[in-house]
Amino acid sequence: MMMGYDWSMARKKNEGSGLQSSAGLMRYFEADDDSIKFSPKMVLGVCIGAGAVVMGLNIAFGLWP
């Protein structure tokens, strides 16, 4: 048993604080409306294309085993 420990920190928090804690999260998602959006297929295509270019350059310059 620990004598100097403050057990009040381990108590359950107030159940009514959920709305206030999620307000910042909602504001964050609302601020993201005007950003550039890329589809997952486009990102995958760019990654595969970049890998193919790097591989092609390695083969062209004799660095491929």
Protein backbone atom coordinates (compact mmCIF):
# COMPACT_ATOMS: atom_id res chain seq x y z
CA MET A 1 0.00 0.00 0.00
CA MET A 2 1.37 3.38 -1.00
CA MET A 3 0.93 6.05 1.63
CA GLY A 4 1.58 9.23 -0.38
CA TYR A 5 -0.37 8.30 -3.53
CA ASP A 6 -3.32 10.47 -4.56
CA TRP A 7 -6.05 8.00 -5.51
CA SER A 8 -8.36 10.80 -6.71
CA MET A 9 -6.58 10.73 -10.09
CA ALA A 10 -7.74 7.17 -10.70
CA ARG A 11 -11.42 7.96 -10.23
CA LYS A 12 -13.82 7.73 -13.13
CA LYS A 13 -14.22 10.98 -15.04
CA ASN A 14 -17.50 12.82 -15.36
CA GLU A 15 -19.69 11.21 -18.03
CA GLY A 16 -21.01 14.58 -19.27
CA SER A 17 -17.65 15.80 -20.60
CA GLY A 18 -17.85 13.85 -23.88
CA LEU A 19 -19.44 16.64 -25.88
CA GLN A 20 -16.85 19.21 -24.90
CA SER A 21 -13.93 16.90 -25.60
CA SER A 22 -15.17 16.11 -29.12
CA ALA A 23 -15.77 19.75 -30.09
CA GLY A 24 -12.16 20.28 -31.16
CA LEU A 25 -12.22 17.11 -33.23
CA MET A 26 -15.36 18.23 -35.05
CA ARG A 27 -13.82 21.63 -35.74
CA TYR A 28 -10.70 19.91 -37.16
CA PHE A 29 -12.70 17.82 -39.63
CA GLU A 30 -14.79 20.80 -40.74
CA ALA A 31 -11.63 22.78 -41.55
CA ASP A 32 -10.45 20.07 -43.97
CA ASP A 33 -13.13 20.74 -46.62
CA ASP A 34 -11.02 22.86 -49.00
CA SER A 35 -7.95 20.61 -49.30
CA ILE A 36 -6.74 18.76 -52.40
CA LYS A 37 -8.09 15.22 -52.53
CA PHE A 38 -6.25 12.29 -54.15
CA SER A 39 -7.87 8.94 -54.77
CA PRO A 40 -6.08 5.85 -53.45
CA LYS A 41 -5.76 4.54 -57.02
CA MET A 42 -3.94 7.72 -58.06
CA VAL A 43 -1.48 7.46 -55.16
CA LEU A 44 -0.83 3.78 -55.90
CA GLY A 45 -0.33 4.55 -59.60
CA VAL A 46 2.18 7.33 -58.89
CA CYS A 47 4.11 5.06 -56.51
CA ILE A 48 4.25 2.19 -59.01
CA GLY A 49 5.21 4.62 -61.79
CA ALA A 50 8.01 6.16 -59.72
CA GLY A 51 9.29 2.68 -58.87
CA ALA A 52 9.27 1.73 -62.55
CA VAL A 53 11.23 4.88 -63.46
CA VAL A 54 13.84 4.17 -60.77
CA MET A 55 14.13 0.55 -61.89
CA GLY A 56 14.42 1.60 -65.53
CA LEU A 57 17.18 4.07 -64.73
CA ASN A 58 19.04 1.41 -62.72
CA ILE A 59 18.85 -0.99 -65.67
CA ALA A 60 19.84 1.73 -68.17
CA PHE A 61 22.94 2.71 -66.21
CA GLY A 62 24.02 -0.87 -65.49
CA LEU A 63 23.26 -0.85 -61.78
CA TRP A 64 20.81 -3.74 -61.97
CA PRO A 65 22.44 -7.04 -60.88
